[in-house]
Amino acid sequence: MRQRPSLKKFIFLTVIFHIAGGQFCFFSLLLLLCF
């Protein structure tokens, strides 16, 4: 079974965003809650 490149890219971006900082994640969560 081969992993889909899109899935790998999604995981990669998620890790980057988690490393980027908690403030950005918190802000995006607030945006999601608002909408």
PDB file of N, CA and C in Angstrom:
ATOM      1  N   MET A   1       0.845  -1.207   0.000  1.00  0.00           N
ATOM      2  CA  MET A   1       0.000   0.000   0.000  1.00  0.00           C
ATOM      3  C   MET A   1       0.874   1.249   0.000  1.00  0.00           C
ATOM      4  N   ARG A   2       0.664   2.077  -0.992  1.00  0.00           N
ATOM      5  CA  ARG A   2       1.451   3.316  -1.078  1.00  0.00           C
ATOM      6  C   ARG A   2       0.667   4.464  -0.455  1.00  0.00           C
ATOM      7  N   GLN A   3       1.385   5.264   0.322  1.00  0.00           N
ATOM      8  CA  GLN A   3       0.731   6.431   0.913  1.00  0.00           C
ATOM      9  C   GLN A   3       0.503   7.500  -0.147  1.00  0.00           C
ATOM     10  N   ARG A   4      -0.626   8.183  -0.042  1.00  0.00           N
ATOM     11  CA  ARG A   4      -0.904   9.256  -0.994  1.00  0.00           C
ATOM     12  C   ARG A   4      -0.026  10.460  -0.675  1.00  0.00           C
ATOM     13  N   PRO A   5       0.578  11.075  -1.683  1.00  0.00           N
ATOM     14  CA  PRO A   5       1.448  12.242  -1.465  1.00  0.00           C
ATOM     15  C   PRO A   5       0.703  13.381  -0.778  1.00  0.00           C
ATOM     16  N   SER A   6      -0.608  13.500  -1.061  1.00  0.00           N
ATOM     17  CA  SER A   6      -1.390  14.568  -0.437  1.00  0.00           C
ATOM     18  C   SER A   6      -1.435  14.368   1.073  1.00  0.00           C
ATOM     19  N   LEU A   7      -1.565  13.109   1.498  1.00  0.00           N
ATOM     20  CA  LEU A   7      -1.601  12.811   2.929  1.00  0.00           C
ATOM     21  C   LEU A   7      -0.264  13.165   3.576  1.00  0.00           C
ATOM     22  N   LYS A   8       0.824  12.802   2.906  1.00  0.00           N
ATOM     23  CA  LYS A   8       2.153  13.130   3.430  1.00  0.00           C
ATOM     24  C   LYS A   8       2.314  14.635   3.551  1.00  0.00           C
ATOM     25  N   LYS A   9       1.884  15.359   2.512  1.00  0.00           N
ATOM     26  CA  LYS A   9       2.011  16.818   2.517  1.00  0.00           C
ATOM     27  C   LYS A   9       1.179  17.410   3.652  1.00  0.00           C
ATOM     28  N   PHE A  10      -0.021  16.845   3.879  1.00  0.00           N
ATOM     29  CA  PHE A  10      -0.896  17.333   4.946  1.00  0.00           C
ATOM     30  C   PHE A  10      -0.230  17.145   6.307  1.00  0.00           C
ATOM     31  N   ILE A  11       0.343  15.963   6.530  1.00  0.00           N
ATOM     32  CA  ILE A  11       1.031  15.685   7.798  1.00  0.00           C
ATOM     33  C   ILE A  11       2.222  16.620   7.964  1.00  0.00           C
ATOM     34  N   PHE A  12       2.973  16.832   6.880  1.00  0.00           N
ATOM     35  CA  PHE A  12       4.144  17.710   6.910  1.00  0.00           C
ATOM     36  C   PHE A  12       3.738  19.125   7.300  1.00  0.00           C
ATOM     37  N   LEU A  13       2.668  19.631   6.660  1.00  0.00           N
ATOM     38  CA  LEU A  13       2.188  20.980   6.963  1.00  0.00           C
ATOM     39  C   LEU A  13       1.691  21.072   8.403  1.00  0.00           C
ATOM     40  N   THR A  14       1.028  20.022   8.868  1.00  0.00           N
ATOM     41  CA  THR A  14       0.522  20.024  10.247  1.00  0.00           C
ATOM     42  C   THR A  14       1.673  20.120  11.244  1.00  0.00           C
ATOM     43  N   VAL A  15       2.733  19.342  11.001  1.00  0.00           N
ATOM     44  CA  VAL A  15       3.902  19.381  11.895  1.00  0.00           C
ATOM     45  C   VAL A  15       4.524  20.771  11.890  1.00  0.00           C
ATOM     46  N   ILE A  16       4.651  21.371  10.694  1.00  0.00           N
ATOM     47  CA  ILE A  16       5.233  22.715  10.578  1.00  0.00           C
ATOM     48  C   ILE A  16       4.396  23.718  11.361  1.00  0.00           C
ATOM     49  N   PHE A  17       3.073  23.621  11.213  1.00  0.00           N
ATOM     50  CA  PHE A  17       2.198  24.568  11.911  1.00  0.00           C
ATOM     51  C   PHE A  17       2.307  24.389  13.422  1.00  0.00           C
ATOM     52  N   HIS A  18       2.437  23.150  13.883  1.00  0.00           N
ATOM     53  CA  HIS A  18       2.563  22.905  15.321  1.00  0.00           C
ATOM     54  C   HIS A  18       3.881  23.468  15.838  1.00  0.00           C
ATOM     55  N   ILE A  19       4.939  23.367  15.012  1.00  0.00           N
ATOM     56  CA  ILE A  19       6.242  23.907  15.419  1.00  0.00           C
ATOM     57  C   ILE A  19       6.234  25.430  15.355  1.00  0.00           C
ATOM     58  N   ALA A  20       5.449  25.981  14.400  1.00  0.00           N
ATOM     59  CA  ALA A  20       5.423  27.431  14.191  1.00  0.00           C
ATOM     60  C   ALA A  20       5.063  28.174  15.481  1.00  0.00           C
ATOM     61  N   GLY A  21       4.135  27.645  16.254  1.00  0.00           N
ATOM     62  CA  GLY A  21       3.803  28.299  17.521  1.00  0.00           C
ATOM     63  C   GLY A  21       2.381  28.030  17.950  1.00  0.00           C
ATOM     64  N   GLY A  22       2.149  28.104  19.261  1.00  0.00           N
ATOM     65  CA  GLY A  22       0.815  27.837  19.792  1.00  0.00           C
ATOM     66  C   GLY A  22      -0.143  28.993  19.547  1.00  0.00           C
ATOM     67  N   GLN A  23       0.400  30.217  19.462  1.00  0.00           N
ATOM     68  CA  GLN A  23      -0.467  31.378  19.265  1.00  0.00           C
ATOM     69  C   GLN A  23      -1.225  31.268  17.951  1.00  0.00           C
ATOM     70  N   PHE A  24      -0.535  30.878  16.877  1.00  0.00           N
ATOM     71  CA  PHE A  24      -1.187  30.773  15.569  1.00  0.00           C
ATOM     72  C   PHE A  24      -2.280  29.719  15.610  1.00  0.00           C
ATOM     73  N   CYS A  25      -1.992  28.574  16.240  1.00  0.00           N
ATOM     74  CA  CYS A  25      -2.990  27.501  16.352  1.00  0.00           C
ATOM     75  C   CYS A  25      -4.185  27.985  17.163  1.00  0.00           C
ATOM     76  N   PHE A  26      -3.912  28.710  18.243  1.00  0.00           N
ATOM     77  CA  PHE A  26      -4.985  29.227  19.088  1.00  0.00           C
ATOM     78  C   PHE A  26      -5.841  30.213  18.296  1.00  0.00           C
ATOM     79  N   PHE A  27      -5.191  31.077  17.512  1.00  0.00           N
ATOM     80  CA  PHE A  27      -5.910  32.068  16.703  1.00  0.00           C
ATOM     81  C   PHE A  27      -6.780  31.382  15.665  1.00  0.00           C
ATOM     82  N   SER A  28      -6.239  30.366  14.996  1.00  0.00           N
ATOM     83  CA  SER A  28      -7.008  29.636  13.976  1.00  0.00           C
ATOM     84  C   SER A  28      -8.185  28.910  14.624  1.00  0.00           C
ATOM     85  N   LEU A  29      -7.980  28.384  15.846  1.00  0.00           N
ATOM     86  CA  LEU A  29      -9.079  27.721  16.559  1.00  0.00           C
ATOM     87  C   LEU A  29     -10.182  28.721  16.873  1.00  0.00           C
ATOM     88  N   LEU A  30      -9.794  29.932  17.277  1.00  0.00           N
ATOM     89  CA  LEU A  30     -10.789  30.971  17.553  1.00  0.00           C
ATOM     90  C   LEU A  30     -11.567  31.297  16.288  1.00  0.00           C
ATOM     91  N   LEU A  31     -10.856  31.377  15.152  1.00  0.00           N
ATOM     92  CA  LEU A  31     -11.524  31.671  13.879  1.00  0.00           C
ATOM     93  C   LEU A  31     -12.513  30.569  13.546  1.00  0.00           C
ATOM     94  N   LEU A  32     -12.103  29.309  13.746  1.00  0.00           N
ATOM     95  CA  LEU A  32     -12.997  28.183  13.449  1.00  0.00           C
ATOM     96  C   LEU A  32     -14.233  28.235  14.338  1.00  0.00           C
ATOM     97  N   LEU A  33     -14.029  28.606  15.613  1.00  0.00           N
ATOM     98  CA  LEU A  33     -15.170  28.685  16.529  1.00  0.00           C
ATOM     99  C   LEU A  33     -16.098  29.828  16.137  1.00  0.00           C
ATOM    100  N   CYS A  34     -15.518  30.927  15.650  1.00  0.00           N
ATOM    101  CA  CYS A  34     -16.335  32.090  15.277  1.00  0.00           C
ATOM    102  C   CYS A  34     -17.203  31.767  14.070  1.00  0.00           C
ATOM    103  N   PHE A  35     -16.618  31.082  13.088  1.00  0.00           N
ATOM    104  CA  PHE A  35     -17.383  30.832  11.854  1.00  0.00           C
ATOM    105  C   PHE A  35     -18.288  29.626  12.003  1.00  0.00           C
TER     106      PHE A  35
END
